[in-house]
Amino acid sequence: MPIGKLAPLEPFSPEEFDARMHRFLVYAQGLINAWSARFPGLPVDQIDVLPGPVYYRVIKRRGVRQGHVADPKDWSIYAFVDRRNGDLYKPETYRSKAPKVRGNLFEPDNGFHAMNWHTTY
């Protein structure tokens, strides 16, 4: 899953960044799926990415029950990912990240220690 054309700062290649970002997204979706399995009648939220000039907005689109129309604005920010170095930030608002770095895609655990089903923390 190629994420974008903006290359991270050295020493990471764009391919390695994309692979780590993909792994992060798959893990985040897995956390959401595991949480949602506790509530079988409810729709499952979906992880998606909105690229920006410096940060990716990782969004959580609200799940929609079959037969209902999805509101394109019905999402929340799951995390911000710095495109230059892989730093993970908790969202402060829809448009801004919290000041403290919560993890990094290039850590041995891919930043998973900073995640739960709801957001990065």
C-alpha atoms as a PDB file:
ATOM      1  CA  MET A   1       0.000   0.000   0.000  1.00  0.00           C
ATOM      2  CA  PRO A   2       1.990   3.039  -1.162  1.00  0.00           C
ATOM      3  CA  ILE A   3       1.309   5.966   1.112  1.00  0.00           C
ATOM      4  CA  GLY A   4       2.765   8.959  -0.663  1.00  0.00           C
ATOM      5  CA  LYS A   5       5.587  10.530  -2.571  1.00  0.00           C
ATOM      6  CA  LEU A   6       7.171  12.587   0.221  1.00  0.00           C
ATOM      7  CA  ALA A   7      10.290  10.725   1.295  1.00  0.00           C
ATOM      8  CA  PRO A   8      11.200  10.535   4.976  1.00  0.00           C
ATOM      9  CA  LEU A   9      14.490  11.965   6.225  1.00  0.00           C
ATOM     10  CA  GLU A  10      17.523   9.737   6.035  1.00  0.00           C
ATOM     11  CA  PRO A  11      18.425   7.022   6.900  1.00  0.00           C
ATOM     12  CA  PHE A  12      15.044   5.490   5.987  1.00  0.00           C
ATOM     13  CA  SER A  13      14.061   4.747   2.424  1.00  0.00           C
ATOM     14  CA  PRO A  14      10.589   5.650   1.140  1.00  0.00           C
ATOM     15  CA  GLU A  15       9.916   1.925   0.683  1.00  0.00           C
ATOM     16  CA  GLU A  16      10.781   1.162   4.310  1.00  0.00           C
ATOM     17  CA  PHE A  17       8.624   4.073   5.470  1.00  0.00           C
ATOM     18  CA  ASP A  18       5.680   2.793   3.404  1.00  0.00           C
ATOM     19  CA  ALA A  19       6.135  -0.733   4.786  1.00  0.00           C
ATOM     20  CA  ARG A  20       6.208   0.512   8.377  1.00  0.00           C
ATOM     21  CA  MET A  21       3.235   2.805   7.797  1.00  0.00           C
ATOM     22  CA  HIS A  22       1.282  -0.082   6.300  1.00  0.00           C
ATOM     23  CA  ARG A  23       2.144  -2.254   9.321  1.00  0.00           C
ATOM     24  CA  PHE A  24       0.990   0.542  11.652  1.00  0.00           C
ATOM     25  CA  LEU A  25      -2.332   0.861   9.794  1.00  0.00           C
ATOM     26  CA  VAL A  26      -2.937  -2.894   9.773  1.00  0.00           C
ATOM     27  CA  TYR A  27      -2.228  -3.108  13.518  1.00  0.00           C
ATOM     28  CA  ALA A  28      -4.514  -0.134  14.245  1.00  0.00           C
ATOM     29  CA  GLN A  29      -7.336  -1.740  12.235  1.00  0.00           C
ATOM     30  CA  GLY A  30      -6.752  -4.989  14.124  1.00  0.00           C
ATOM     31  CA  LEU A  31      -7.140  -3.189  17.470  1.00  0.00           C
ATOM     32  CA  ILE A  32     -10.397  -1.610  16.259  1.00  0.00           C
ATOM     33  CA  ASN A  33     -11.678  -4.950  14.933  1.00  0.00           C
ATOM     34  CA  ALA A  34     -10.880  -6.700  18.230  1.00  0.00           C
ATOM     35  CA  TRP A  35     -12.686  -3.985  20.194  1.00  0.00           C
ATOM     36  CA  SER A  36     -15.670  -4.057  17.841  1.00  0.00           C
ATOM     37  CA  ALA A  37     -15.968  -7.852  18.141  1.00  0.00           C
ATOM     38  CA  ARG A  38     -17.180  -7.233  21.693  1.00  0.00           C
ATOM     39  CA  PHE A  39     -20.258  -5.509  20.227  1.00  0.00           C
ATOM     40  CA  PRO A  40     -21.424  -7.748  17.362  1.00  0.00           C
ATOM     41  CA  GLY A  41     -24.479  -5.694  16.349  1.00  0.00           C
ATOM     42  CA  LEU A  42     -22.538  -2.475  15.735  1.00  0.00           C
ATOM     43  CA  PRO A  43     -20.692  -1.519  12.547  1.00  0.00           C
ATOM     44  CA  VAL A  44     -16.887  -1.575  12.571  1.00  0.00           C
ATOM     45  CA  ASP A  45     -14.913   1.667  12.147  1.00  0.00           C
ATOM     46  CA  GLN A  46     -12.333   1.743   9.359  1.00  0.00           C
ATOM     47  CA  ILE A  47      -8.816   3.223   9.376  1.00  0.00           C
ATOM     48  CA  ASP A  48      -7.903   5.497   6.468  1.00  0.00           C
ATOM     49  CA  VAL A  49      -5.183   8.049   5.676  1.00  0.00           C
ATOM     50  CA  LEU A  50      -5.432  11.679   4.587  1.00  0.00           C
ATOM     51  CA  PRO A  51      -2.027  12.919   3.376  1.00  0.00           C
ATOM     52  CA  GLY A  52      -0.907  16.423   4.229  1.00  0.00           C
ATOM     53  CA  PRO A  53       2.221  18.372   3.368  1.00  0.00           C
ATOM     54  CA  VAL A  54       4.090  17.322   6.545  1.00  0.00           C
ATOM     55  CA  TYR A  55       1.814  14.914   8.439  1.00  0.00           C
ATOM     56  CA  TYR A  56      -0.467  12.060   7.559  1.00  0.00           C
ATOM     57  CA  ARG A  57      -3.808  12.237   9.326  1.00  0.00           C
ATOM     58  CA  VAL A  58      -4.751   8.697  10.222  1.00  0.00           C
ATOM     59  CA  ILE A  59      -8.521   8.807  10.503  1.00  0.00           C
ATOM     60  CA  LYS A  60     -11.116   6.452  11.875  1.00  0.00           C
ATOM     61  CA  ARG A  61     -14.197   6.446   9.667  1.00  0.00           C
ATOM     62  CA  ARG A  62     -17.353   5.593  11.517  1.00  0.00           C
ATOM     63  CA  GLY A  63     -18.753   2.227  10.529  1.00  0.00           C
ATOM     64  CA  VAL A  64     -22.062   2.288   8.692  1.00  0.00           C
ATOM     65  CA  ARG A  65     -24.773  -0.314   8.980  1.00  0.00           C
ATOM     66  CA  GLN A  66     -25.870  -1.966   5.793  1.00  0.00           C
ATOM     67  CA  GLY A  67     -28.490   0.069   3.972  1.00  0.00           C
ATOM     68  CA  HIS A  68     -27.504   3.409   5.514  1.00  0.00           C
ATOM     69  CA  VAL A  69     -25.667   6.220   3.739  1.00  0.00           C
ATOM     70  CA  ALA A  70     -22.306   7.233   5.203  1.00  0.00           C
ATOM     71  CA  ASP A  71     -21.669  10.860   6.042  1.00  0.00           C
ATOM     72  CA  PRO A  72     -18.278  11.689   4.473  1.00  0.00           C
ATOM     73  CA  LYS A  73     -17.431  13.893   7.447  1.00  0.00           C
ATOM     74  CA  ASP A  74     -18.242  11.229  10.050  1.00  0.00           C
ATOM     75  CA  TRP A  75     -14.719  10.458  11.175  1.00  0.00           C
ATOM     76  CA  SER A  76     -12.267  11.183  13.945  1.00  0.00           C
ATOM     77  CA  ILE A  77      -8.502  11.582  13.955  1.00  0.00           C
ATOM     78  CA  TYR A  78      -6.716   8.460  15.172  1.00  0.00           C
ATOM     79  CA  ALA A  79      -3.154   9.803  14.965  1.00  0.00           C
ATOM     80  CA  PHE A  80      -0.805  12.136  13.154  1.00  0.00           C
ATOM     81  CA  VAL A  81       2.302  10.614  11.547  1.00  0.00           C
ATOM     82  CA  ASP A  82       5.235  12.832  10.590  1.00  0.00           C
ATOM     83  CA  ARG A  83       6.072  12.069   6.961  1.00  0.00           C
ATOM     84  CA  ARG A  84       9.700  13.088   7.450  1.00  0.00           C
ATOM     85  CA  ASN A  85      10.724  10.802  10.296  1.00  0.00           C
ATOM     86  CA  GLY A  86       7.813   8.540  11.360  1.00  0.00           C
ATOM     87  CA  ASP A  87       7.027  10.256  14.674  1.00  0.00           C
ATOM     88  CA  LEU A  88       3.546   9.432  16.023  1.00  0.00           C
ATOM     89  CA  TYR A  89       1.422  12.116  17.651  1.00  0.00           C
ATOM     90  CA  LYS A  90      -1.856  12.012  19.492  1.00  0.00           C
ATOM     91  CA  PRO A  91      -4.424  14.365  17.956  1.00  0.00           C
ATOM     92  CA  GLU A  92      -5.200  17.526  19.893  1.00  0.00           C
ATOM     93  CA  THR A  93      -7.843  18.756  17.448  1.00  0.00           C
ATOM     94  CA  TYR A  94      -8.934  17.764  13.968  1.00  0.00           C
ATOM     95  CA  ARG A  95      -6.260  20.004  12.456  1.00  0.00           C
ATOM     96  CA  SER A  96      -3.475  19.857  15.022  1.00  0.00           C
ATOM     97  CA  LYS A  97      -1.368  17.311  16.826  1.00  0.00           C
ATOM     98  CA  ALA A  98      -0.478  17.238  20.487  1.00  0.00           C
ATOM     99  CA  PRO A  99       3.024  18.586  21.194  1.00  0.00           C
ATOM    100  CA  LYS A 100       4.532  15.383  22.627  1.00  0.00           C
ATOM    101  CA  VAL A 101       5.813  12.552  20.415  1.00  0.00           C
ATOM    102  CA  ARG A 102       4.063   9.304  21.483  1.00  0.00           C
ATOM    103  CA  GLY A 103       6.111   6.839  19.446  1.00  0.00           C
ATOM    104  CA  ASN A 104       7.855   6.285  16.127  1.00  0.00           C
ATOM    105  CA  LEU A 105       7.253   3.952  13.196  1.00  0.00           C
ATOM    106  CA  PHE A 106      10.935   2.993  13.251  1.00  0.00           C
ATOM    107  CA  GLU A 107      11.020   1.796  16.864  1.00  0.00           C
ATOM    108  CA  PRO A 108      11.437  -1.967  17.264  1.00  0.00           C
ATOM    109  CA  ASP A 109       7.717  -2.350  18.070  1.00  0.00           C
ATOM    110  CA  ASN A 110       6.700  -0.004  15.197  1.00  0.00           C
ATOM    111  CA  GLY A 111       5.155   2.417  17.705  1.00  0.00           C
ATOM    112  CA  PHE A 112       2.531  -0.133  18.793  1.00  0.00           C
ATOM    113  CA  HIS A 113       3.160   0.620  22.499  1.00  0.00           C
ATOM    114  CA  ALA A 114       1.510   4.015  21.936  1.00  0.00           C
ATOM    115  CA  MET A 115      -1.754   2.674  20.509  1.00  0.00           C
ATOM    116  CA  ASN A 116      -5.134   1.401  21.596  1.00  0.00           C
ATOM    117  CA  TRP A 117      -8.466   0.894  19.821  1.00  0.00           C
ATOM    118  CA  HIS A 118      -9.384   4.560  20.219  1.00  0.00           C
ATOM    119  CA  THR A 119      -6.205   6.506  19.369  1.00  0.00           C
ATOM    120  CA  THR A 120      -2.539   6.896  20.114  1.00  0.00           C
ATOM    121  CA  TYR A 121      -1.970   7.843  23.737  1.00  0.00           C
END
